[in-house]
Amino acid sequence: LALGDEGTIFVGTRSEGRVYALKDSDGDFRADTTYIIAKGLNSP
């Protein structure tokens, strides 16, 4: 896990090969949107 300046939560994976970004836009401490930043990577 890593935290961006604007509150984005970045998430790495292993065999899935994906990197996610999670946004809690309304501040209720539940992610509202999940983005896939990249996929097909070798254990990111």
Full PDB file with SEQRES, HELIX, SHEET, SSBOND, CRYST1, ORIGX, SCALE, CONECT and MASTER records, all heavy atoms in Angstrom:
SEQRES   1 A   44  LEU ALA LEU GLY ASP GLU GLY THR ILE PHE VAL GLY THR          
SEQRES   2 A   44  ARG SER GLU GLY ARG VAL TYR ALA LEU LYS ASP SER ASP          
SEQRES   3 A   44  GLY ASP PHE ARG ALA ASP THR THR TYR ILE ILE ALA LYS          
SEQRES   4 A   44  GLY LEU ASN SER PRO                                          
SHEET    1 AA1 4 ALA A   2  LEU A   3  0                                        
SHEET    2 AA1 4 ILE A   9  VAL A  11 -1                                        
SHEET    3 AA1 4 VAL A  19  LYS A  23 -1                                        
SHEET    4 AA1 4 THR A  33  ALA A  38 -1                                        
CRYST1    1.000    1.000    1.000  90.00  90.00  90.00 P 1           1          
ORIGX1      1.000000  0.000000  0.000000        0.00000                         
ORIGX2      0.000000  1.000000  0.000000        0.00000                         
ORIGX3      0.000000  0.000000  1.000000        0.00000                         
SCALE1      1.000000  0.000000  0.000000        0.00000                         
SCALE2      0.000000  1.000000  0.000000        0.00000                         
SCALE3      0.000000  0.000000  1.000000        0.00000                         
ATOM      1  N   LEU A   1       0.827  -1.198   0.000  1.00  0.00           N  
ATOM      2  CA  LEU A   1       0.000   0.000   0.000  1.00  0.00           C  
ATOM      3  C   LEU A   1       0.869   1.259   0.000  1.00  0.00           C  
ATOM      4  O   LEU A   1       1.929   1.291   0.626  1.00  0.00           O  
ATOM      5  CB  LEU A   1      -0.900   0.024   1.237  1.00  0.00           C  
ATOM      6  CG  LEU A   1      -1.841  -1.163   1.434  1.00  0.00           C  
ATOM      7  CD1 LEU A   1      -2.495  -1.091   2.806  1.00  0.00           C  
ATOM      8  CD2 LEU A   1      -2.895  -1.204   0.340  1.00  0.00           C  
ATOM      9  N   ALA A   2       0.386   2.291  -0.685  1.00  0.00           N  
ATOM     10  CA  ALA A   2       1.043   3.597  -0.664  1.00  0.00           C  
ATOM     11  C   ALA A   2      -0.034   4.670  -0.748  1.00  0.00           C  
ATOM     12  O   ALA A   2      -1.081   4.470  -1.367  1.00  0.00           O  
ATOM     13  CB  ALA A   2       2.034   3.739  -1.818  1.00  0.00           C  
ATOM     14  N   LEU A   3       0.232   5.826  -0.140  1.00  0.00           N  
ATOM     15  CA  LEU A   3      -0.737   6.908  -0.058  1.00  0.00           C  
ATOM     16  C   LEU A   3      -0.272   8.097  -0.891  1.00  0.00           C  
ATOM     17  O   LEU A   3       0.855   8.585  -0.740  1.00  0.00           O  
ATOM     18  CB  LEU A   3      -0.902   7.344   1.409  1.00  0.00           C  
ATOM     19  CG  LEU A   3      -1.864   8.490   1.700  1.00  0.00           C  
ATOM     20  CD1 LEU A   3      -3.294   8.122   1.312  1.00  0.00           C  
ATOM     21  CD2 LEU A   3      -1.795   8.863   3.187  1.00  0.00           C  
ATOM     22  N   GLY A   4      -1.154   8.564  -1.791  1.00  0.00           N  
ATOM     23  CA  GLY A   4      -0.851   9.723  -2.617  1.00  0.00           C  
ATOM     24  C   GLY A   4      -1.154  11.029  -1.907  1.00  0.00           C  
ATOM     25  O   GLY A   4      -1.827  11.061  -0.875  1.00  0.00           O  
ATOM     26  N   ASP A   5      -0.687  12.133  -2.480  1.00  0.00           N  
ATOM     27  CA  ASP A   5      -0.890  13.456  -1.881  1.00  0.00           C  
ATOM     28  C   ASP A   5      -2.362  13.838  -1.806  1.00  0.00           C  
ATOM     29  O   ASP A   5      -2.775  14.591  -0.932  1.00  0.00           O  
ATOM     30  CB  ASP A   5      -0.140  14.518  -2.694  1.00  0.00           C  
ATOM     31  CG  ASP A   5       1.365  14.408  -2.540  1.00  0.00           C  
ATOM     32  OD1 ASP A   5       1.822  13.862  -1.515  1.00  0.00           O  
ATOM     33  OD2 ASP A   5       2.086  14.867  -3.451  1.00  0.00           O  
ATOM     34  N   GLU A   6      -3.170  13.334  -2.746  1.00  0.00           N  
ATOM     35  CA  GLU A   6      -4.586  13.665  -2.801  1.00  0.00           C  
ATOM     36  C   GLU A   6      -5.461  12.573  -2.185  1.00  0.00           C  
ATOM     37  O   GLU A   6      -6.660  12.521  -2.436  1.00  0.00           O  
ATOM     38  CB  GLU A   6      -4.992  13.931  -4.253  1.00  0.00           C  
ATOM     39  CG  GLU A   6      -4.247  15.100  -4.876  1.00  0.00           C  
ATOM     40  CD  GLU A   6      -4.580  15.294  -6.341  1.00  0.00           C  
ATOM     41  OE1 GLU A   6      -5.589  14.712  -6.804  1.00  0.00           O  
ATOM     42  OE2 GLU A   6      -3.840  16.029  -7.029  1.00  0.00           O  
ATOM     43  N   GLY A   7      -4.849  11.718  -1.373  1.00  0.00           N  
ATOM     44  CA  GLY A   7      -5.602  10.697  -0.660  1.00  0.00           C  
ATOM     45  C   GLY A   7      -5.824   9.406  -1.421  1.00  0.00           C  
ATOM     46  O   GLY A   7      -6.517   8.508  -0.922  1.00  0.00           O  
ATOM     47  N   THR A   8      -5.262   9.262  -2.601  1.00  0.00           N  
ATOM     48  CA  THR A   8      -5.399   8.025  -3.364  1.00  0.00           C  
ATOM     49  C   THR A   8      -4.616   6.914  -2.687  1.00  0.00           C  
ATOM     50  O   THR A   8      -3.467   7.109  -2.270  1.00  0.00           O  
ATOM     51  CB  THR A   8      -4.877   8.204  -4.800  1.00  0.00           C  
ATOM     52  OG1 THR A   8      -5.485   9.354  -5.380  1.00  0.00           O  
ATOM     53  CG2 THR A   8      -5.177   6.982  -5.647  1.00  0.00           C  
ATOM     54  N   ILE A   9      -5.226   5.737  -2.582  1.00  0.00           N  
ATOM     55  CA  ILE A   9      -4.555   4.560  -2.044  1.00  0.00           C  
ATOM     56  C   ILE A   9      -4.102   3.713  -3.227  1.00  0.00           C  
ATOM     57  O   ILE A   9      -4.924   3.231  -4.010  1.00  0.00           O  
ATOM     58  CB  ILE A   9      -5.480   3.730  -1.132  1.00  0.00           C  
ATOM     59  CG1 ILE A   9      -6.134   4.619  -0.066  1.00  0.00           C  
ATOM     60  CG2 ILE A   9      -4.708   2.574  -0.515  1.00  0.00           C  
ATOM     61  CD1 ILE A   9      -5.169   5.277   0.871  1.00  0.00           C  
ATOM     62  N   PHE A  10      -2.802   3.514  -3.357  1.00  0.00           N  
ATOM     63  CA  PHE A  10      -2.258   2.674  -4.416  1.00  0.00           C  
ATOM     64  C   PHE A  10      -1.972   1.285  -3.854  1.00  0.00           C  
ATOM     65  O   PHE A  10      -1.485   1.157  -2.722  1.00  0.00           O  
ATOM     66  CB  PHE A  10      -0.996   3.301  -5.001  1.00  0.00           C  
ATOM     67  CG  PHE A  10      -1.252   4.623  -5.678  1.00  0.00           C  
ATOM     68  CD1 PHE A  10      -0.995   5.817  -5.019  1.00  0.00           C  
ATOM     69  CD2 PHE A  10      -1.779   4.660  -6.956  1.00  0.00           C  
ATOM     70  CE1 PHE A  10      -1.252   7.035  -5.635  1.00  0.00           C  
ATOM     71  CE2 PHE A  10      -2.044   5.880  -7.581  1.00  0.00           C  
ATOM     72  CZ  PHE A  10      -1.772   7.066  -6.927  1.00  0.00           C  
ATOM     73  N   VAL A  11      -2.270   0.252  -4.659  1.00  0.00           N  
ATOM     74  CA  VAL A  11      -2.189  -1.126  -4.187  1.00  0.00           C  
ATOM     75  C   VAL A  11      -1.453  -1.973  -5.213  1.00  0.00           C  
ATOM     76  O   VAL A  11      -1.845  -2.025  -6.385  1.00  0.00           O  
ATOM     77  CB  VAL A  11      -3.595  -1.720  -3.946  1.00  0.00           C  
ATOM     78  CG1 VAL A  11      -3.488  -3.084  -3.270  1.00  0.00           C  
ATOM     79  CG2 VAL A  11      -4.464  -0.774  -3.131  1.00  0.00           C  
ATOM     80  N   GLY A  12      -0.392  -2.641  -4.782  1.00  0.00           N  
ATOM     81  CA  GLY A  12       0.323  -3.577  -5.641  1.00  0.00           C  
ATOM     82  C   GLY A  12      -0.206  -4.991  -5.482  1.00  0.00           C  
ATOM     83  O   GLY A  12      -0.951  -5.295  -4.542  1.00  0.00           O  
ATOM     84  N   THR A  13       0.174  -5.872  -6.391  1.00  0.00           N  
ATOM     85  CA  THR A  13      -0.231  -7.277  -6.347  1.00  0.00           C  
ATOM     86  C   THR A  13       0.963  -8.142  -6.757  1.00  0.00           C  
ATOM     87  O   THR A  13       1.999  -7.632  -7.162  1.00  0.00           O  
ATOM     88  CB  THR A  13      -1.402  -7.569  -7.297  1.00  0.00           C  
ATOM     89  OG1 THR A  13      -0.969  -7.375  -8.655  1.00  0.00           O  
ATOM     90  CG2 THR A  13      -2.593  -6.662  -7.018  1.00  0.00           C  
ATOM     91  N   ARG A  14       0.771  -9.456  -6.708  1.00  0.00           N  
ATOM     92  CA  ARG A  14       1.803 -10.378  -7.204  1.00  0.00           C  
ATOM     93  C   ARG A  14       1.319 -11.067  -8.476  1.00  0.00           C  
ATOM     94  O   ARG A  14       1.443 -10.543  -9.563  1.00  0.00           O  
ATOM     95  CB  ARG A  14       2.184 -11.383  -6.122  1.00  0.00           C  
ATOM     96  CG  ARG A  14       3.207 -10.847  -5.128  1.00  0.00           C  
ATOM     97  CD  ARG A  14       3.571 -11.875  -4.065  1.00  0.00           C  
ATOM     98  NE  ARG A  14       4.012 -13.139  -4.636  1.00  0.00           N  
ATOM     99  CZ  ARG A  14       4.215 -14.249  -3.934  1.00  0.00           C  
ATOM    100  NH1 ARG A  14       4.002 -14.244  -2.629  1.00  0.00           N  
ATOM    101  NH2 ARG A  14       4.630 -15.340  -4.514  1.00  0.00           N  
ATOM    102  N   SER A  15       0.743 -12.258  -8.332  1.00  0.00           N  
ATOM    103  CA  SER A  15       0.385 -13.046  -9.516  1.00  0.00           C  
ATOM    104  C   SER A  15      -0.674 -12.369 -10.377  1.00  0.00           C  
ATOM    105  O   SER A  15      -0.781 -12.654 -11.577  1.00  0.00           O  
ATOM    106  CB  SER A  15      -0.095 -14.440  -9.095  1.00  0.00           C  
ATOM    107  OG  SER A  15      -1.224 -14.353  -8.243  1.00  0.00           O  
ATOM    108  N   GLU A  16      -1.449 -11.464  -9.801  1.00  0.00           N  
ATOM    109  CA  GLU A  16      -2.475 -10.768 -10.573  1.00  0.00           C  
ATOM    110  C   GLU A  16      -1.874  -9.794 -11.584  1.00  0.00           C  
ATOM    111  O   GLU A  16      -2.532  -9.439 -12.575  1.00  0.00           O  
ATOM    112  CB  GLU A  16      -3.427 -10.016  -9.647  1.00  0.00           C  
ATOM    113  CG  GLU A  16      -4.292 -10.905  -8.772  1.00  0.00           C  
ATOM    114  CD  GLU A  16      -3.513 -11.555  -7.648  1.00  0.00           C  
ATOM    115  OE1 GLU A  16      -2.385 -11.097  -7.342  1.00  0.00           O  
ATOM    116  OE2 GLU A  16      -4.021 -12.536  -7.066  1.00  0.00           O  
ATOM    117  N   GLY A  17      -0.662  -9.321 -11.335  1.00  0.00           N  
ATOM    118  CA  GLY A  17       0.014  -8.430 -12.268  1.00  0.00           C  
ATOM    119  C   GLY A  17      -0.588  -7.044 -12.377  1.00  0.00           C  
ATOM    120  O   GLY A  17      -0.278  -6.304 -13.311  1.00  0.00           O  
ATOM    121  N   ARG A  18      -1.427  -6.659 -11.404  1.00  0.00           N  
ATOM    122  CA  ARG A  18      -2.135  -5.384 -11.483  1.00  0.00           C  
ATOM    123  C   ARG A  18      -1.649  -4.398 -10.438  1.00  0.00           C  
ATOM    124  O   ARG A  18      -1.163  -4.775  -9.370  1.00  0.00           O  
ATOM    125  CB  ARG A  18      -3.641  -5.597 -11.280  1.00  0.00           C  
ATOM    126  CG  ARG A  18      -4.330  -6.381 -12.367  1.00  0.00           C  
ATOM    127  CD  ARG A  18      -5.806  -6.544 -12.056  1.00  0.00           C  
ATOM    128  NE  ARG A  18      -6.528  -7.137 -13.180  1.00  0.00           N  
ATOM    129  CZ  ARG A  18      -7.843  -7.306 -13.219  1.00  0.00           C  
ATOM    130  NH1 ARG A  18      -8.587  -6.927 -12.184  1.00  0.00           N  
ATOM    131  NH2 ARG A  18      -8.420  -7.845 -14.274  1.00  0.00           N  
ATOM    132  N   VAL A  19      -1.832  -3.122 -10.755  1.00  0.00           N  
ATOM    133  CA  VAL A  19      -1.668  -2.045  -9.787  1.00  0.00           C  
ATOM    134  C   VAL A  19      -2.986  -1.283  -9.743  1.00  0.00           C  
ATOM    135  O   VAL A  19      -3.497  -0.848 -10.788  1.00  0.00           O  
ATOM    136  CB  VAL A  19      -0.524  -1.094 -10.171  1.00  0.00           C  
ATOM    137  CG1 VAL A  19      -0.421   0.038  -9.149  1.00  0.00           C  
ATOM    138  CG2 VAL A  19       0.802  -1.857 -10.250  1.00  0.00           C  
ATOM    139  N   TYR A  20      -3.545  -1.147  -8.548  1.00  0.00           N  
ATOM    140  CA  TYR A  20      -4.826  -0.480  -8.357  1.00  0.00           C  
ATOM    141  C   TYR A  20      -4.629   0.914  -7.761  1.00  0.00           C  
ATOM    142  O   TYR A  20      -3.618   1.204  -7.123  1.00  0.00           O  
ATOM    143  CB  TYR A  20      -5.712  -1.254  -7.375  1.00  0.00           C  
ATOM    144  CG  TYR A  20      -6.061  -2.660  -7.739  1.00  0.00           C  
ATOM    145  CD1 TYR A  20      -5.317  -3.738  -7.240  1.00  0.00           C  
ATOM    146  CD2 TYR A  20      -7.167  -2.948  -8.543  1.00  0.00           C  
ATOM    147  CE1 TYR A  20      -5.658  -5.050  -7.532  1.00  0.00           C  
ATOM    148  CE2 TYR A  20      -7.507  -4.266  -8.846  1.00  0.00           C  
ATOM    149  CZ  TYR A  20      -6.750  -5.308  -8.340  1.00  0.00           C  
ATOM    150  OH  TYR A  20      -7.089  -6.604  -8.632  1.00  0.00           O  
ATOM    151  N   ALA A  21      -5.656   1.744  -7.937  1.00  0.00           N  
ATOM    152  CA  ALA A  21      -5.765   3.016  -7.229  1.00  0.00           C  
ATOM    153  C   ALA A  21      -7.182   3.119  -6.683  1.00  0.00           C  
ATOM    154  O   ALA A  21      -8.150   2.913  -7.418  1.00  0.00           O  
ATOM    155  CB  ALA A  21      -5.464   4.191  -8.148  1.00  0.00           C  
ATOM    156  N   LEU A  22      -7.307   3.417  -5.389  1.00  0.00           N  
ATOM    157  CA  LEU A  22      -8.607   3.506  -4.731  1.00  0.00           C  
ATOM    158  C   LEU A  22      -8.860   4.938  -4.312  1.00  0.00           C  
ATOM    159  O   LEU A  22      -7.977   5.608  -3.755  1.00  0.00           O  
ATOM    160  CB  LEU A  22      -8.646   2.605  -3.488  1.00  0.00           C  
ATOM    161  CG  LEU A  22      -8.195   1.152  -3.646  1.00  0.00           C  
ATOM    162  CD1 LEU A  22      -8.269   0.435  -2.300  1.00  0.00           C  
ATOM    163  CD2 LEU A  22      -9.031   0.430  -4.680  1.00  0.00           C  
ATOM    164  N   LYS A  23     -10.079   5.416  -4.549  1.00  0.00           N  
ATOM    165  CA  LYS A  23     -10.471   6.766  -4.162  1.00  0.00           C  
ATOM    166  C   LYS A  23     -11.677   6.725  -3.229  1.00  0.00           C  
ATOM    167  O   LYS A  23     -12.667   6.051  -3.518  1.00  0.00           O  
ATOM    168  CB  LYS A  23     -10.814   7.605  -5.394  1.00  0.00           C  
ATOM    169  CG  LYS A  23      -9.639   7.904  -6.303  1.00  0.00           C  
ATOM    170  CD  LYS A  23      -8.625   8.853  -5.672  1.00  0.00           C  
ATOM    171  CE  LYS A  23      -9.172  10.253  -5.544  1.00  0.00           C  
ATOM    172  NZ  LYS A  23      -8.114  11.198  -5.071  1.00  0.00           N  
ATOM    173  N   ASP A  24     -11.554   7.446  -2.127  1.00  0.00           N  
ATOM    174  CA  ASP A  24     -12.675   7.667  -1.210  1.00  0.00           C  
ATOM    175  C   ASP A  24     -13.102   9.117  -1.385  1.00  0.00           C  
ATOM    176  O   ASP A  24     -12.643  10.016  -0.679  1.00  0.00           O  
ATOM    177  CB  ASP A  24     -12.234   7.380   0.229  1.00  0.00           C  
ATOM    178  CG  ASP A  24     -13.270   7.808   1.254  1.00  0.00           C  
ATOM    179  OD1 ASP A  24     -14.456   7.929   0.891  1.00  0.00           O  
ATOM    180  OD2 ASP A  24     -12.873   8.041   2.418  1.00  0.00           O  
ATOM    181  N   SER A  25     -13.973   9.347  -2.336  1.00  0.00           N  
ATOM    182  CA  SER A  25     -14.311  10.717  -2.730  1.00  0.00           C  
ATOM    183  C   SER A  25     -15.185  11.439  -1.716  1.00  0.00           C  
ATOM    184  O   SER A  25     -15.121  12.665  -1.594  1.00  0.00           O  
ATOM    185  CB  SER A  25     -15.008  10.709  -4.093  1.00  0.00           C  
ATOM    186  OG  SER A  25     -14.170  10.128  -5.075  1.00  0.00           O  
ATOM    187  N   ASP A  26     -16.026  10.706  -0.979  1.00  0.00           N  
ATOM    188  CA  ASP A  26     -16.951  11.376  -0.064  1.00  0.00           C  
ATOM    189  C   ASP A  26     -16.479  11.363   1.389  1.00  0.00           C  
ATOM    190  O   ASP A  26     -17.198  11.809   2.286  1.00  0.00           O  
ATOM    191  CB  ASP A  26     -18.345  10.756  -0.171  1.00  0.00           C  
ATOM    192  CG  ASP A  26     -18.348   9.253   0.121  1.00  0.00           C  
ATOM    193  OD1 ASP A  26     -17.295   8.725   0.564  1.00  0.00           O  
ATOM    194  OD2 ASP A  26     -19.391   8.610  -0.110  1.00  0.00           O  
ATOM    195  N   GLY A  27     -15.289  10.826   1.636  1.00  0.00           N  
ATOM    196  CA  GLY A  27     -14.708  10.898   2.969  1.00  0.00           C  
ATOM    197  C   GLY A  27     -15.355  10.017   4.009  1.00  0.00           C  
ATOM    198  O   GLY A  27     -15.218  10.285   5.211  1.00  0.00           O  
ATOM    199  N   ASP A  28     -16.042   8.936   3.582  1.00  0.00           N  
ATOM    200  CA  ASP A  28     -16.689   8.051   4.554  1.00  0.00           C  
ATOM    201  C   ASP A  28     -15.829   6.832   4.888  1.00  0.00           C  
ATOM    202  O   ASP A  28     -16.297   5.892   5.518  1.00  0.00           O  
ATOM    203  CB  ASP A  28     -18.063   7.612   4.042  1.00  0.00           C  
ATOM    204  CG  ASP A  28     -17.972   6.721   2.802  1.00  0.00           C  
ATOM    205  OD1 ASP A  28     -16.870   6.620   2.206  1.00  0.00           O  
ATOM    206  OD2 ASP A  28     -19.006   6.138   2.415  1.00  0.00           O  
ATOM    207  N   PHE A  29     -14.567   6.844   4.455  1.00  0.00           N  
ATOM    208  CA  PHE A  29     -13.630   5.756   4.706  1.00  0.00           C  
ATOM    209  C   PHE A  29     -14.104   4.438   4.089  1.00  0.00           C  
ATOM    210  O   PHE A  29     -13.888   3.363   4.641  1.00  0.00           O  
ATOM    211  CB  PHE A  29     -13.349   5.608   6.203  1.00  0.00           C  
ATOM    212  CG  PHE A  29     -12.666   6.814   6.781  1.00  0.00           C  
ATOM    213  CD1 PHE A  29     -13.399   7.749   7.509  1.00  0.00           C  
ATOM    214  CD2 PHE A  29     -11.310   7.043   6.584  1.00  0.00           C  
ATOM    215  CE1 PHE A  29     -12.779   8.874   8.042  1.00  0.00           C  
ATOM    216  CE2 PHE A  29     -10.688   8.172   7.103  1.00  0.00           C  
ATOM    217  CZ  PHE A  29     -11.421   9.082   7.837  1.00  0.00           C  
ATOM    218  N   ARG A  30     -14.735   4.549   2.946  1.00  0.00           N  
ATOM    219  CA  ARG A  30     -15.021   3.418   2.063  1.00  0.00           C  
ATOM    220  C   ARG A  30     -14.647   3.843   0.649  1.00  0.00           C  
ATOM    221  O   ARG A  30     -15.043   4.932   0.197  1.00  0.00           O  
ATOM    222  CB  ARG A  30     -16.512   3.036   2.102  1.00  0.00           C  
ATOM    223  CG  ARG A  30     -16.936   2.299   3.365  1.00  0.00           C  
ATOM    224  CD  ARG A  30     -16.392   0.883   3.423  1.00  0.00           C  
ATOM    225  NE  ARG A  30     -16.844   0.056   2.318  1.00  0.00           N  
ATOM    226  CZ  ARG A  30     -17.916  -0.733   2.345  1.00  0.00           C  
ATOM    227  NH1 ARG A  30     -18.682  -0.763   3.408  1.00  0.00           N  
ATOM    228  NH2 ARG A  30     -18.226  -1.468   1.302  1.00  0.00           N  
ATOM    229  N   ALA A  31     -13.889   3.020  -0.042  1.00  0.00           N  
ATOM    230  CA  ALA A  31     -13.479   3.355  -1.403  1.00  0.00           C  
ATOM    231  C   ALA A  31     -14.702   3.439  -2.306  1.00  0.00           C  
ATOM    232  O   ALA A  31     -15.532   2.537  -2.332  1.00  0.00           O  
ATOM    233  CB  ALA A  31     -12.501   2.315  -1.926  1.00  0.00           C  
ATOM    234  N   ASP A  32     -14.829   4.536  -3.046  1.00  0.00           N  
ATOM    235  CA  ASP A  32     -15.940   4.723  -3.967  1.00  0.00           C  
ATOM    236  C   ASP A  32     -15.600   4.239  -5.374  1.00  0.00           C  
ATOM    237  O   ASP A  32     -16.474   3.781  -6.103  1.00  0.00           O  
ATOM    238  CB  ASP A  32     -16.316   6.210  -4.047  1.00  0.00           C  
ATOM    239  CG  ASP A  32     -16.619   6.802  -2.685  1.00  0.00           C  
ATOM    240  OD1 ASP A  32     -17.514   6.279  -2.014  1.00  0.00           O  
ATOM    241  OD2 ASP A  32     -15.941   7.756  -2.300  1.00  0.00           O  
ATOM    242  N   THR A  33     -14.325   4.382  -5.749  1.00  0.00           N  
ATOM    243  CA  THR A  33     -13.908   4.047  -7.105  1.00  0.00           C  
ATOM    244  C   THR A  33     -12.588   3.301  -7.062  1.00  0.00           C  
ATOM    245  O   THR A  33     -11.681   3.672  -6.314  1.00  0.00           O  
ATOM    246  CB  THR A  33     -13.735   5.312  -7.969  1.00  0.00           C  
ATOM    247  OG1 THR A  33     -14.883   6.140  -7.823  1.00  0.00           O  
ATOM    248  CG2 THR A  33     -13.560   4.957  -9.436  1.00  0.00           C  
ATOM    249  N   THR A  34     -12.501   2.251  -7.844  1.00  0.00           N  
ATOM    250  CA  THR A  34     -11.266   1.487  -7.974  1.00  0.00           C  
ATOM    251  C   THR A  34     -10.790   1.560  -9.416  1.00  0.00           C  
ATOM    252  O   THR A  34     -11.511   1.162 -10.332  1.00  0.00           O  
ATOM    253  CB  THR A  34     -11.468   0.010  -7.567  1.00  0.00           C  
ATOM    254  OG1 THR A  34     -11.887  -0.051  -6.204  1.00  0.00           O  
ATOM    255  CG2 THR A  34     -10.186  -0.779  -7.732  1.00  0.00           C  
ATOM    256  N   TYR A  35      -9.603   2.101  -9.610  1.00  0.00           N  
ATOM    257  CA  TYR A  35      -8.996   2.179 -10.936  1.00  0.00           C  
ATOM    258  C   TYR A  35      -7.924   1.099 -11.065  1.00  0.00           C  
ATOM    259  O   TYR A  35      -7.255   0.762 -10.087  1.00  0.00           O  
ATOM    260  CB  TYR A  35      -8.313   3.532 -11.138  1.00  0.00           C  
ATOM    261  CG  TYR A  35      -9.197   4.736 -10.969  1.00  0.00           C  
ATOM    262  CD1 TYR A  35      -9.412   5.291  -9.706  1.00  0.00           C  
ATOM    263  CD2 TYR A  35      -9.795   5.338 -12.063  1.00  0.00           C  
ATOM    264  CE1 TYR A  35     -10.207   6.411  -9.543  1.00  0.00           C  
ATOM    265  CE2 TYR A  35     -10.598   6.469 -11.913  1.00  0.00           C  
ATOM    266  CZ  TYR A  35     -10.799   7.002 -10.646  1.00  0.00           C  
ATOM    267  OH  TYR A  35     -11.584   8.104 -10.491  1.00  0.00           O  
ATOM    268  N   ILE A  36      -7.770   0.580 -12.260  1.00  0.00           N  
ATOM    269  CA  ILE A  36      -6.643  -0.299 -12.553  1.00  0.00           C  
ATOM    270  C   ILE A  36      -5.625   0.529 -13.327  1.00  0.00           C  
ATOM    271  O   ILE A  36      -5.838   0.881 -14.484  1.00  0.00           O  
ATOM    272  CB  ILE A  36      -7.077  -1.552 -13.324  1.00  0.00           C  
ATOM    273  CG1 ILE A  36      -7.997  -2.406 -12.444  1.00  0.00           C  
ATOM    274  CG2 ILE A  36      -5.857  -2.357 -13.753  1.00  0.00           C  
ATOM    275  CD1 ILE A  36      -8.456  -3.690 -13.086  1.00  0.00           C  
ATOM    276  N   ILE A  37      -4.528   0.850 -12.672  1.00  0.00           N  
ATOM    277  CA  ILE A  37      -3.495   1.685 -13.262  1.00  0.00           C  
ATOM    278  C   ILE A  37      -2.720   0.927 -14.333  1.00  0.00           C  
ATOM    279  O   ILE A  37      -2.348   1.471 -15.371  1.00  0.00           O  
ATOM    280  CB  ILE A  37      -2.531   2.188 -12.163  1.00  0.00           C  
ATOM    281  CG1 ILE A  37      -3.293   3.019 -11.124  1.00  0.00           C  
ATOM    282  CG2 ILE A  37      -1.382   2.993 -12.765  1.00  0.00           C  
ATOM    283  CD1 ILE A  37      -3.968   4.245 -11.683  1.00  0.00           C  
ATOM    284  N   ALA A  38      -2.457  -0.348 -14.078  1.00  0.00           N  
ATOM    285  CA  ALA A  38      -1.698  -1.174 -15.024  1.00  0.00           C  
ATOM    286  C   ALA A  38      -2.048  -2.624 -14.797  1.00  0.00           C  
ATOM    287  O   ALA A  38      -2.493  -3.016 -13.713  1.00  0.00           O  
ATOM    288  CB  ALA A  38      -0.207  -0.950 -14.847  1.00  0.00           C  
ATOM    289  N   LYS A  39      -1.865  -3.442 -15.813  1.00  0.00           N  
ATOM    290  CA  LYS A  39      -2.029  -4.878 -15.677  1.00  0.00           C  
ATOM    291  C   LYS A  39      -1.038  -5.567 -16.598  1.00  0.00           C  
ATOM    292  O   LYS A  39      -0.404  -4.946 -17.452  1.00  0.00           O  
ATOM    293  CB  LYS A  39      -3.464  -5.301 -15.982  1.00  0.00           C  
ATOM    294  CG  LYS A  39      -3.942  -5.050 -17.396  1.00  0.00           C  
ATOM    295  CD  LYS A  39      -5.389  -5.522 -17.542  1.00  0.00           C  
ATOM    296  CE  LYS A  39      -5.902  -5.286 -18.967  1.00  0.00           C  
ATOM    297  NZ  LYS A  39      -7.313  -5.743 -19.114  1.00  0.00           N  
ATOM    298  N   GLY A  40      -0.882  -6.878 -16.389  1.00  0.00           N  
ATOM    299  CA  GLY A  40       0.068  -7.636 -17.186  1.00  0.00           C  
ATOM    300  C   GLY A  40       1.509  -7.452 -16.766  1.00  0.00           C  
ATOM    301  O   GLY A  40       2.428  -7.834 -17.504  1.00  0.00           O  
ATOM    302  N   LEU A  41       1.739  -6.894 -15.565  1.00  0.00           N  
ATOM    303  CA  LEU A  41       3.102  -6.696 -15.086  1.00  0.00           C  
ATOM    304  C   LEU A  41       3.595  -7.946 -14.347  1.00  0.00           C  
ATOM    305  O   LEU A  41       2.804  -8.768 -13.890  1.00  0.00           O  
ATOM    306  CB  LEU A  41       3.166  -5.483 -14.159  1.00  0.00           C  
ATOM    307  CG  LEU A  41       2.713  -4.140 -14.745  1.00  0.00           C  
ATOM    308  CD1 LEU A  41       2.899  -3.030 -13.724  1.00  0.00           C  
ATOM    309  CD2 LEU A  41       3.460  -3.819 -16.027  1.00  0.00           C  
ATOM    310  N   ASN A  42       4.889  -8.055 -14.202  1.00  0.00           N  
ATOM    311  CA  ASN A  42       5.506  -9.215 -13.570  1.00  0.00           C  
ATOM    312  C   ASN A  42       5.637  -8.981 -12.068  1.00  0.00           C  
ATOM    313  O   ASN A  42       6.599  -8.388 -11.600  1.00  0.00           O  
ATOM    314  CB  ASN A  42       6.884  -9.469 -14.199  1.00  0.00           C  
ATOM    315  CG  ASN A  42       7.525 -10.762 -13.706  1.00  0.00           C  
ATOM    316  OD1 ASN A  42       6.891 -11.562 -13.025  1.00  0.00           O  
ATOM    317  ND2 ASN A  42       8.785 -10.955 -14.054  1.00  0.00           N  
ATOM    318  N   SER A  43       4.631  -9.416 -11.326  1.00  0.00           N  
ATOM    319  CA  SER A  43       4.600  -9.292  -9.857  1.00  0.00           C  
ATOM    320  C   SER A  43       4.887  -7.876  -9.385  1.00  0.00           C  
ATOM    321  O   SER A  43       5.882  -7.622  -8.700  1.00  0.00           O  
ATOM    322  CB  SER A  43       5.593 -10.265  -9.214  1.00  0.00           C  
ATOM    323  OG  SER A  43       5.183 -11.589  -9.361  1.00  0.00           O  
ATOM    324  N   PRO A  44       3.994  -6.926  -9.701  1.00  0.00           N  
ATOM    325  CA  PRO A  44       4.202  -5.541  -9.254  1.00  0.00           C  
ATOM    326  C   PRO A  44       3.806  -5.353  -7.794  1.00  0.00           C  
ATOM    327  O   PRO A  44       2.888  -4.581  -7.475  1.00  0.00           O  
ATOM    328  CB  PRO A  44       3.298  -4.752 -10.197  1.00  0.00           C  
ATOM    329  CG  PRO A  44       2.148  -5.685 -10.464  1.00  0.00           C  
ATOM    330  CD  PRO A  44       2.768  -7.058 -10.523  1.00  0.00           C  
TER     331      PRO A  44                                                      
MASTER        0    0    0    0    4    0    0    6  330    1    0    4          
END                                                                             
